[in-house]
Amino acid sequence: MKQYLVTLEAARVNAGLTQADAAVKLGVHPQTLARWERDSSNVPYAKICKIEEIYHIPKGLIFFGKVFEFIRKLSKEEIQ
């Protein structure tokens, strides 16, 4: 069975959390989480582990990078 990557925002939404609720659980300001959801390439490893725990999704299935790169990657996969 093929597994797909999801964005950080999609992982949060699938976990049933609002941005504010997730920020509290992660111990960060909501604006920090919003910034990470646009570009998660610099999320500290300790927070990545916490995200995995809170969102109940393995960190290997979350795309950590810029959202536009994720979209570009998806569009290339669809073309091939």
Protein backbone atom coordinates (compact mmCIF):
# COMPACT_ATOMS: atom_id res chain seq x y z
CA MET A 1 0.00 0.00 0.00
CA LYS A 2 1.41 3.35 -1.04
CA GLN A 3 1.64 5.99 1.68
CA TYR A 4 1.44 9.68 0.88
CA LEU A 5 2.97 12.72 2.48
CA VAL A 6 0.72 15.40 3.94
CA THR A 7 1.47 19.00 4.76
CA LEU A 8 1.86 20.12 8.34
CA GLU A 9 -1.49 21.92 8.08
CA ALA A 10 -3.23 18.82 6.71
CA ALA A 11 -1.78 16.72 9.53
CA ARG A 12 -3.17 19.20 12.08
CA VAL A 13 -6.60 19.32 10.46
CA ASN A 14 -6.73 15.52 10.22
CA ALA A 15 -5.96 15.40 13.95
CA GLY A 16 -9.05 17.56 14.54
CA LEU A 17 -7.12 20.49 16.00
CA THR A 18 -7.49 24.18 15.39
CA GLN A 19 -4.32 26.16 14.87
CA ALA A 20 -4.78 27.77 18.29
CA ASP A 21 -5.30 24.43 20.06
CA ALA A 22 -2.32 22.84 18.34
CA ALA A 23 -0.10 25.82 19.18
CA VAL A 24 -0.97 25.50 22.87
CA LYS A 25 -0.21 21.77 22.85
CA LEU A 26 3.10 22.42 21.05
CA GLY A 27 4.02 25.27 23.38
CA VAL A 28 4.41 27.83 20.60
CA HIS A 29 2.65 31.04 19.63
CA PRO A 30 -0.16 30.55 17.07
CA GLN A 31 1.71 32.82 14.64
CA THR A 32 4.72 30.51 14.90
CA LEU A 33 2.57 27.53 13.97
CA ALA A 34 1.01 29.49 11.11
CA ARG A 35 4.51 30.30 9.83
CA TRP A 36 5.54 26.64 10.13
CA GLU A 37 2.48 25.59 8.17
CA ARG A 38 3.66 27.80 5.29
CA ASP A 39 7.32 26.80 5.60
CA SER A 40 8.19 23.98 7.96
CA SER A 41 11.77 23.58 6.78
CA ASN A 42 13.19 25.03 10.01
CA VAL A 43 11.00 23.39 12.65
CA PRO A 44 13.22 22.28 15.55
CA TYR A 45 13.56 18.50 15.78
CA ALA A 46 12.14 18.44 19.32
CA LYS A 47 8.97 20.13 17.99
CA ILE A 48 8.81 17.68 15.06
CA CYS A 49 8.74 14.84 17.60
CA LYS A 50 6.02 16.66 19.56
CA ILE A 51 4.02 17.19 16.35
CA GLU A 52 4.22 13.46 15.65
CA GLU A 53 2.89 12.73 19.14
CA ILE A 54 0.10 15.33 19.11
CA TYR A 55 -1.08 14.80 15.52
CA HIS A 56 -0.81 10.98 15.75
CA ILE A 57 1.01 10.70 12.44
CA PRO A 58 4.58 9.51 11.88
CA LYS A 59 6.95 12.37 11.14
CA GLY A 60 8.06 10.50 8.03
CA LEU A 61 4.61 11.04 6.52
CA ILE A 62 4.60 14.81 7.06
CA PHE A 63 6.18 17.01 4.41
CA PHE A 64 8.59 19.43 6.08
CA GLY A 65 9.39 22.26 3.71
CA LYS A 66 7.72 25.10 1.87
CA VAL A 67 4.11 24.48 0.88
CA PHE A 68 4.72 25.65 -2.69
CA GLU A 69 7.47 23.00 -3.01
CA PHE A 70 4.98 20.35 -1.86
CA ILE A 71 2.47 21.51 -4.48
CA ARG A 72 5.17 21.53 -7.16
CA LYS A 73 6.20 18.00 -6.14
CA LEU A 74 2.59 16.79 -6.34
CA SER A 75 2.02 18.34 -9.76
CA LYS A 76 5.19 16.69 -11.13
CA GLU A 77 4.06 13.29 -9.79
CA GLU A 78 0.66 13.68 -11.44
CA ILE A 79 2.23 14.49 -14.81
CA GLN A 80 4.46 11.40 -14.83
